[in-house]
Protein backbone atom coordinates (compact mmCIF):
# COMPACT_ATOMS: atom_id res chain seq x y z
CA UNK A 1 21.11 15.20 -14.48
CA UNK A 2 21.27 15.99 -18.24
CA UNK A 3 23.14 18.90 -19.79
CA UNK A 4 21.33 20.90 -22.49
CA UNK A 5 23.55 22.35 -25.19
CA UNK A 6 23.28 25.63 -27.10
CA UNK A 7 20.65 25.49 -29.86
CA UNK A 8 23.25 26.08 -32.57
CA UNK A 9 25.35 23.29 -31.01
CA UNK A 10 28.45 25.51 -31.21
CA UNK A 11 29.00 25.62 -27.45
CA UNK A 12 28.13 22.74 -25.11
CA UNK A 13 26.61 23.05 -21.69
CA UNK A 14 25.45 26.62 -22.11
CA UNK A 15 22.16 25.80 -20.48
CA UNK A 16 21.73 24.86 -16.87
CA UNK A 17 21.54 21.15 -16.11
CA UNK A 18 18.01 19.87 -15.80
CA UNK A 19 17.01 17.14 -13.42
CA UNK A 20 15.37 14.42 -15.48
CA UNK A 21 12.58 14.07 -12.96
CA UNK A 22 11.42 17.57 -13.97
CA UNK A 23 11.46 16.74 -17.67
CA UNK A 24 7.73 16.98 -18.28
CA UNK A 25 7.48 20.25 -16.37
CA UNK A 26 10.29 21.68 -18.48
CA UNK A 27 8.62 20.60 -21.70
CA UNK A 28 5.33 22.11 -20.58
CA UNK A 29 6.91 25.46 -19.72
CA UNK A 30 8.93 25.51 -22.93
CA UNK A 31 5.75 24.90 -24.88
CA UNK A 32 4.05 27.83 -23.17
CA UNK A 33 6.99 30.14 -23.89
CA UNK A 34 7.17 28.99 -27.48
CA UNK A 35 3.46 29.62 -27.99
CA UNK A 36 3.79 33.12 -26.58
CA UNK A 37 6.79 33.98 -28.75
CA UNK A 38 5.06 32.65 -31.84
CA UNK A 39 2.05 34.89 -31.16
CA UNK A 40 4.34 37.88 -30.75
CA UNK A 41 6.16 37.08 -33.96
CA UNK A 42 2.93 36.72 -35.94
CA UNK A 43 1.61 39.98 -34.55
CA UNK A 44 4.88 41.70 -35.39
CA UNK A 45 4.74 40.53 -38.99
CA UNK A 46 1.14 41.72 -39.25
CA UNK A 47 1.62 45.28 -38.01
CA UNK A 48 5.20 46.09 -39.00
CA UNK A 49 5.65 48.58 -41.83
CA UNK A 50 8.49 48.13 -44.28
CA UNK A 51 9.48 50.19 -47.23
CA UNK A 52 9.77 48.36 -50.53
CA UNK A 53 13.55 48.26 -50.18
CA UNK A 54 13.28 46.76 -46.68
CA UNK A 55 10.77 44.06 -47.53
CA UNK A 56 12.18 40.54 -47.23
CA UNK A 57 14.66 41.67 -44.59
CA UNK A 58 14.35 40.90 -40.89
CA UNK A 59 14.87 43.48 -38.20
CA UNK A 60 17.33 42.64 -35.45
CA UNK A 61 14.38 42.15 -33.09
CA UNK A 62 12.89 39.56 -35.43
CA UNK A 63 16.23 37.83 -35.82
CA UNK A 64 16.55 37.67 -32.03
CA UNK A 65 13.00 36.35 -31.75
CA UNK A 66 13.63 33.69 -34.38
CA UNK A 67 16.82 32.71 -32.60
CA UNK A 68 14.89 32.37 -29.34
CA UNK A 69 12.24 30.23 -31.00
CA UNK A 70 14.90 28.04 -32.58
CA UNK A 71 16.57 27.71 -29.20
CA UNK A 72 13.35 26.64 -27.56
CA UNK A 73 12.49 24.18 -30.33
CA UNK A 74 15.85 22.46 -30.17
CA UNK A 75 15.88 22.46 -26.38
CA UNK A 76 12.45 20.86 -26.37
CA UNK A 77 13.63 18.26 -28.87
CA UNK A 78 16.63 17.43 -26.70
CA UNK A 79 14.45 17.21 -23.60
CA UNK A 80 12.00 14.95 -25.37
CA UNK A 81 14.75 12.63 -26.57
CA UNK A 82 16.74 12.37 -23.38
CA UNK A 83 16.11 9.52 -20.97
CA UNK A 84 13.81 10.47 -18.13
CA UNK A 85 15.39 8.02 -15.66
CA UNK A 86 13.30 7.77 -12.50
CA UNK A 87 10.30 9.51 -14.00
CA UNK A 88 10.06 7.00 -16.83
CA UNK A 89 10.08 4.05 -14.44
CA UNK A 90 6.63 2.56 -13.95
CA UNK A 91 5.17 3.85 -10.69
CA UNK A 92 3.52 1.44 -8.26
CA UNK A 93 1.33 3.25 -5.73
CA UNK A 94 0.80 1.49 -2.39
CA UNK A 95 -2.03 2.77 -0.19
CA UNK A 96 -1.71 1.25 3.29
CA UNK A 97 -4.24 1.19 6.10
CA UNK A 98 -1.36 1.40 8.62
CA UNK A 99 2.06 1.64 6.99
CA UNK A 100 4.02 1.19 10.24
CA UNK A 101 2.13 -1.91 11.39
CA UNK A 102 4.44 -4.94 11.25
CA UNK A 103 2.50 -7.01 8.73
CA UNK A 104 1.99 -4.02 6.44
CA UNK A 105 5.71 -3.32 6.66
CA UNK A 106 6.56 -6.87 5.58
CA UNK A 107 4.16 -6.69 2.65
CA UNK A 108 5.55 -3.31 1.57
CA UNK A 109 9.11 -4.62 1.77
CA UNK A 110 8.20 -7.61 -0.38
CA UNK A 111 6.53 -5.33 -2.91
CA UNK A 112 9.57 -3.04 -2.98
CA UNK A 113 11.90 -5.99 -3.56
CA UNK A 114 9.90 -7.18 -6.56
CA UNK A 115 9.65 -3.60 -7.86
CA UNK A 116 13.41 -3.19 -7.62
CA UNK A 117 13.96 -6.35 -9.64
CA UNK A 118 11.49 -5.21 -12.30
CA UNK A 119 12.68 -1.61 -12.50
CA UNK A 120 9.58 -0.05 -10.95
CA UNK A 121 9.37 2.90 -8.58
CA UNK A 122 7.27 2.51 -5.42
CA UNK A 123 5.44 5.26 -3.54
CA UNK A 124 3.73 4.43 -0.22
CA UNK A 125 0.87 6.43 1.30
CA UNK A 126 -0.22 5.76 4.89
CA UNK A 127 -3.99 6.33 4.98
CA UNK A 128 -3.99 5.85 8.78
CA UNK A 129 -7.18 3.82 8.81
CA UNK A 130 -9.17 6.42 6.86
CA UNK A 131 -11.10 5.28 3.78
CA UNK A 132 -11.39 8.93 2.70
CA UNK A 133 -7.62 9.28 2.73
CA UNK A 134 -7.30 5.99 0.87
CA UNK A 135 -9.66 7.18 -1.87
CA UNK A 136 -7.78 10.47 -2.17
CA UNK A 137 -4.46 8.64 -2.43
CA UNK A 138 -5.72 6.28 -5.13
CA UNK A 139 -7.16 9.21 -7.09
CA UNK A 140 -3.82 11.00 -6.80
CA UNK A 141 -1.93 7.98 -8.11
CA UNK A 142 -4.40 7.79 -11.01
CA UNK A 143 -3.74 11.45 -11.85
CA UNK A 144 0.00 10.74 -11.76
CA UNK A 145 -0.42 7.97 -14.31
CA UNK A 146 0.74 5.14 -12.07
CA UNK A 147 1.48 1.75 -13.64
CA UNK A 148 -0.66 0.05 -11.00
CA UNK A 149 -2.09 0.70 -7.53
CA UNK A 150 -2.08 -1.63 -4.53
CA UNK A 151 -4.68 -1.23 -1.80
CA UNK A 152 -3.57 -2.63 1.56
CA UNK A 153 -6.53 -3.90 3.64
CA UNK A 154 -9.24 -1.36 2.76
CA UNK A 155 -12.26 -3.30 1.41
CA UNK A 156 -13.02 -2.70 -2.25
CA UNK A 157 -16.47 -1.46 -1.24
CA UNK A 158 -14.93 1.44 0.73
CA UNK A 159 -12.64 2.73 -2.04
CA UNK A 160 -15.18 3.08 -4.83
CA UNK A 161 -14.18 6.65 -5.71
CA UNK A 162 -10.54 5.66 -6.01
CA UNK A 163 -11.37 2.57 -8.05
CA UNK A 164 -13.47 4.68 -10.43
CA UNK A 165 -10.61 7.12 -10.96
CA UNK A 166 -8.16 4.29 -11.62
CA UNK A 167 -10.57 2.59 -14.01
CA UNK A 168 -11.05 5.80 -15.99
CA UNK A 169 -7.26 6.03 -16.31
CA UNK A 170 -6.94 2.33 -17.28
CA UNK A 171 -4.81 1.67 -14.21
CA UNK A 172 -5.25 -1.75 -12.54
CA UNK A 173 -5.89 -1.88 -8.80
CA UNK A 174 -5.03 -4.96 -6.74
CA UNK A 175 -5.68 -5.49 -3.06
CA UNK A 176 -3.98 -7.10 -0.12
CA UNK A 177 -6.76 -8.31 2.11
CA UNK A 178 -9.24 -5.95 0.46
CA UNK A 179 -10.92 -8.70 -1.49
CA UNK A 180 -12.15 -8.83 -5.06
CA UNK A 181 -15.10 -6.85 -6.34
CA UNK A 182 -15.85 -3.78 -8.44
CA UNK A 183 -12.80 -3.31 -10.70
CA UNK A 184 -10.19 -5.02 -8.49
CA UNK A 185 -7.89 -7.16 -10.66
CA UNK A 186 -6.37 -9.48 -8.04
CA UNK A 187 -6.10 -10.04 -4.32
CA UNK A 188 -4.19 -12.02 -1.73
CA UNK A 189 -3.83 -11.93 2.03
CA UNK A 190 -7.53 -12.63 2.39
CA UNK A 191 -8.46 -12.54 6.05
CA UNK A 192 -10.52 -15.67 6.63
CA UNK A 193 -8.22 -18.39 5.24
CA UNK A 194 -5.28 -17.11 7.27
CA UNK A 195 -7.27 -16.92 10.52
CA UNK A 196 -8.95 -20.33 10.24
CA UNK A 197 -6.20 -22.50 11.79
CA UNK A 198 -5.71 -20.29 14.85
CA UNK A 199 -9.46 -19.95 15.49
CA UNK A 200 -9.80 -23.72 15.31
CA UNK A 201 -6.97 -24.17 17.80
CA UNK A 202 -8.53 -21.61 20.15
CA UNK A 203 -11.87 -23.44 20.16
CA UNK A 204 -10.10 -26.75 20.75
CA UNK A 205 -7.99 -25.30 23.58
CA UNK A 206 -11.11 -23.93 25.27
CA UNK A 207 -12.80 -27.31 25.03
CA UNK A 208 -15.82 -25.71 23.43
CA UNK A 209 -16.77 -23.62 26.47
CA UNK A 210 -15.64 -20.59 28.43
CA UNK A 211 -15.39 -16.82 28.02
CA UNK A 212 -13.78 -15.08 25.05
CA UNK A 213 -12.79 -11.44 24.52
CA UNK A 214 -12.64 -10.72 20.78
CA UNK A 215 -10.76 -7.60 19.72
CA UNK A 216 -12.17 -6.66 16.33
CA UNK A 217 -11.74 -3.99 13.64
CA UNK A 218 -14.53 -3.49 11.11
CA UNK A 219 -13.13 -0.81 8.82
CA UNK A 220 -10.68 -3.29 7.31
CA UNK A 221 -11.84 -6.14 5.07
CA UNK A 222 -9.32 -8.53 6.62
CA UNK A 223 -10.61 -8.22 10.17
CA UNK A 224 -14.22 -8.17 9.08
CA UNK A 225 -13.76 -11.46 7.27
CA UNK A 226 -11.90 -12.96 10.23
CA UNK A 227 -14.63 -11.92 12.62
CA UNK A 228 -17.27 -13.40 10.32
CA UNK A 229 -15.34 -16.67 10.17
CA UNK A 230 -14.96 -16.76 13.95
CA UNK A 231 -18.70 -16.22 14.38
CA UNK A 232 -19.44 -19.04 11.97
CA UNK A 233 -17.00 -21.42 13.66
CA UNK A 234 -18.48 -20.59 17.08
CA UNK A 235 -22.05 -21.30 15.99
CA UNK A 236 -21.67 -24.92 17.05
CA UNK A 237 -20.10 -23.93 20.39
CA UNK A 238 -22.85 -22.09 22.22
CA UNK A 239 -21.06 -22.53 25.55
CA UNK A 240 -18.33 -20.09 24.51
CA UNK A 241 -19.58 -16.64 25.56
CA UNK A 242 -18.11 -13.84 23.46
CA UNK A 243 -17.48 -10.21 24.37
CA UNK A 244 -16.52 -8.04 21.39
CA UNK A 245 -14.69 -4.72 21.44
CA UNK A 246 -13.56 -2.86 18.34
CA UNK A 247 -10.11 -1.26 18.37
CA UNK A 248 -9.02 1.82 16.44
CA UNK A 249 -6.28 2.52 13.91
CA UNK A 250 -4.16 4.16 15.18
CA UNK A 251 -4.51 3.19 18.83
CA UNK A 252 -4.86 -0.58 18.63
CA UNK A 253 -2.20 -1.38 21.26
CA UNK A 254 -3.76 1.00 23.77
CA UNK A 255 -7.29 -0.15 22.99
CA UNK A 256 -6.30 -3.79 23.36
CA UNK A 257 -4.85 -3.07 26.80
CA UNK A 258 -7.84 -0.97 27.90
CA UNK A 259 -10.46 -3.48 26.80
CA UNK A 260 -8.50 -6.31 28.40
CA UNK A 261 -8.34 -4.43 31.71
CA UNK A 262 -12.10 -3.95 31.76
CA UNK A 263 -12.79 -7.55 30.73
CA UNK A 264 -10.35 -9.01 33.27
CA UNK A 265 -12.06 -7.08 36.06
CA UNK A 266 -15.25 -9.05 35.43
CA UNK A 267 -13.47 -12.34 34.74
CA UNK A 268 -11.34 -13.25 37.78
CA UNK A 269 -9.21 -16.40 37.83
CA UNK A 270 -11.14 -19.62 38.32
CA UNK A 271 -11.97 -22.92 36.72
CA UNK A 272 -13.53 -21.36 33.63
CA UNK A 273 -11.51 -21.26 30.40
CA UNK A 274 -10.65 -17.68 29.44
CA UNK A 275 -9.22 -16.47 26.14
CA UNK A 276 -8.46 -13.26 24.26
CA UNK A 277 -8.41 -13.19 20.46
CA UNK A 278 -7.19 -10.35 18.27
CA UNK A 279 -8.24 -10.17 14.64
CA UNK A 280 -4.56 -9.44 14.14
CA UNK A 281 -1.64 -9.72 16.53
CA UNK A 282 -1.26 -6.16 17.77
CA UNK A 283 -4.49 -5.72 19.76
CA UNK A 284 -3.77 -9.08 21.41
CA UNK A 285 -0.23 -7.91 22.21
CA UNK A 286 -1.74 -4.80 23.82
CA UNK A 287 -3.90 -7.11 25.94
CA UNK A 288 -0.81 -9.10 26.97
CA UNK A 289 0.52 -5.95 28.61
CA UNK A 290 -2.54 -5.85 30.85
CA UNK A 291 -2.30 -9.57 31.62
CA UNK A 292 1.33 -9.26 32.64
CA UNK A 293 0.75 -6.17 34.78
CA UNK A 294 -1.91 -8.10 36.70
CA UNK A 295 0.10 -11.33 36.79
CA UNK A 296 -2.73 -13.14 35.01
CA UNK A 297 -1.35 -16.33 33.50
CA UNK A 298 -4.73 -18.06 33.36
CA UNK A 299 -5.84 -16.43 30.09
CA UNK A 300 -4.96 -17.86 26.68
CA UNK A 301 -4.10 -15.31 23.98
CA UNK A 302 -4.41 -15.74 20.21
CA UNK A 303 -3.47 -13.49 17.32
CA UNK A 304 -3.26 -13.58 13.55
CA UNK A 305 -0.46 -12.52 11.15
CA UNK A 306 2.55 -13.84 13.08
CA UNK A 307 4.53 -10.63 13.45
CA UNK A 308 7.88 -10.62 15.25
CA UNK A 309 6.43 -9.44 18.57
CA UNK A 310 3.80 -12.16 18.52
CA UNK A 311 6.37 -14.86 17.82
CA UNK A 312 8.56 -13.58 20.66
CA UNK A 313 5.54 -13.60 22.98
CA UNK A 314 4.84 -17.22 22.04
CA UNK A 315 8.47 -18.12 22.73
CA UNK A 316 8.27 -16.40 26.11
CA UNK A 317 4.99 -18.06 27.05
CA UNK A 318 2.82 -14.92 26.94
CA UNK A 319 0.86 -15.80 23.78
CA UNK A 320 -0.73 -19.15 23.00
CA UNK A 321 -0.76 -19.18 19.19
CA UNK A 322 -0.83 -17.11 16.02
CA UNK A 323 -1.18 -17.81 12.33
CA UNK A 324 1.87 -16.59 10.43
CA UNK A 325 1.04 -14.77 7.25
CA UNK A 326 3.93 -14.63 4.81
CA UNK A 327 3.10 -11.07 3.87
CA UNK A 328 6.56 -10.44 2.39
CA UNK A 329 5.92 -13.14 -0.21
CA UNK A 330 2.39 -11.84 -0.74
CA UNK A 331 3.71 -8.37 -1.55
CA UNK A 332 6.48 -9.77 -3.73
CA UNK A 333 4.16 -12.06 -5.69
CA UNK A 334 1.53 -9.39 -6.24
CA UNK A 335 3.96 -6.89 -7.76
CA UNK A 336 5.38 -9.64 -9.97
CA UNK A 337 1.84 -10.26 -11.23
CA UNK A 338 1.21 -6.66 -12.29
CA UNK A 339 2.94 -6.95 -15.66
CA UNK A 340 0.69 -9.88 -16.60
CA UNK A 341 -2.38 -7.89 -15.56
CA UNK A 342 -1.33 -4.91 -17.67
CA UNK A 343 -0.48 -7.09 -20.66
CA UNK A 344 -3.81 -8.91 -20.58
CA UNK A 345 -5.78 -5.68 -20.36
CA UNK A 346 -9.51 -6.23 -20.73
CA UNK A 347 -8.95 -9.99 -21.06
CA UNK A 348 -7.64 -10.28 -17.49
CA UNK A 349 -9.84 -12.31 -15.16
CA UNK A 350 -9.85 -11.20 -11.48
CA UNK A 351 -8.26 -13.80 -9.25
CA UNK A 352 -7.06 -14.57 -5.74
CA UNK A 353 -3.40 -15.58 -5.45
CA UNK A 354 -3.18 -16.68 -1.83
CA UNK A 355 -0.13 -17.77 0.17
CA UNK A 356 -1.00 -20.40 2.84
CA UNK A 357 -0.71 -19.48 6.54
CA UNK A 358 1.41 -21.37 9.08
CA UNK A 359 0.08 -22.03 12.60
CA UNK A 360 2.66 -21.18 15.29
CA UNK A 361 2.23 -22.53 18.82
CA UNK A 362 4.48 -22.92 21.84
CA UNK A 363 5.19 -26.47 20.65
CA UNK A 364 6.15 -25.47 17.10
CA UNK A 365 7.75 -22.04 17.46
CA UNK A 366 11.36 -23.26 17.65
CA UNK A 367 11.03 -25.39 14.52
CA UNK A 368 9.27 -22.53 12.76
CA UNK A 369 12.13 -20.15 13.51
CA UNK A 370 14.66 -22.62 12.15
CA UNK A 371 12.76 -22.64 8.87
CA UNK A 372 11.93 -18.91 8.87
CA UNK A 373 14.63 -17.04 10.82
CA UNK A 374 13.74 -13.78 9.05
CA UNK A 375 10.28 -13.81 10.64
CA UNK A 376 11.60 -12.14 13.80
CA UNK A 377 13.89 -9.63 12.13
């Protein structure tokens, strides 16, 4: 809060205190008032009649008006000079596909930590799986003059309107799992590289044959890339029969459980290898609920991202493997990179700044937790 003094500076704190975050609004309104008073004053000088003896003198109304104008001018000068505190901090806008999902939360926390160290403000919008909402959020951040915008998971191809708005405002946009393309400056958390080790393990565990339920999600770039990679890796394993079901956001836990129930009904226990794969952990965790309720311990379960629930399920024997994505570090590193992107301007070359994944299995989970105890917190 900043106190505004009397325009003649004879008495301090005559004006109400003004929250610095409303500084620009105050300046705008003061400008409007000043313009109106100036018009009135000019009109008054034009139409007022004065006798020869009165010419050169100001009426009391004019003196009051001049005093008001002086007050407004000095107040505006003080407002313009005072520190704006939070409003003057660079704003980083984060647009998340699912802001309460565990991996998104870790990324956001990493981004916030880096922002705190650099003196940035962070605003998070949960687009709840909607590309339309994501575009609207990016456009809003562009209108607010954000320092930079981070897209979490939405593919660059689905946020074209938002990217255009940011480009017009000279605001860089980076993505987490959204890939490069259009005007995106940088990306990390790309889906395929993180999923590769767990897909390979799944194929090895199945011995190249059996039945697989794949829980997919095609609105997000990450899952689309992971599904594409899985398809490619399965091309040489024609004896693995795949059933695909796409989950929703929100609703992925419930969908995972529902699709698993239907699939299990047509895949009773037997000699055949059975597996469930989620393009990220949560749909697979939903499927685990169905497996446990039916006492089915004959089905292997695989996820990607390595969230705390998945790691606990591996420890408890309910999940076979996941690939841990260090999304906290990804968020931290990306925000740290923003200053370089801004400084380079048009000379910046789009790039991927990936953080390698770690495969977690029942054999390695204890050692993993010794090295990364925060992964389950």
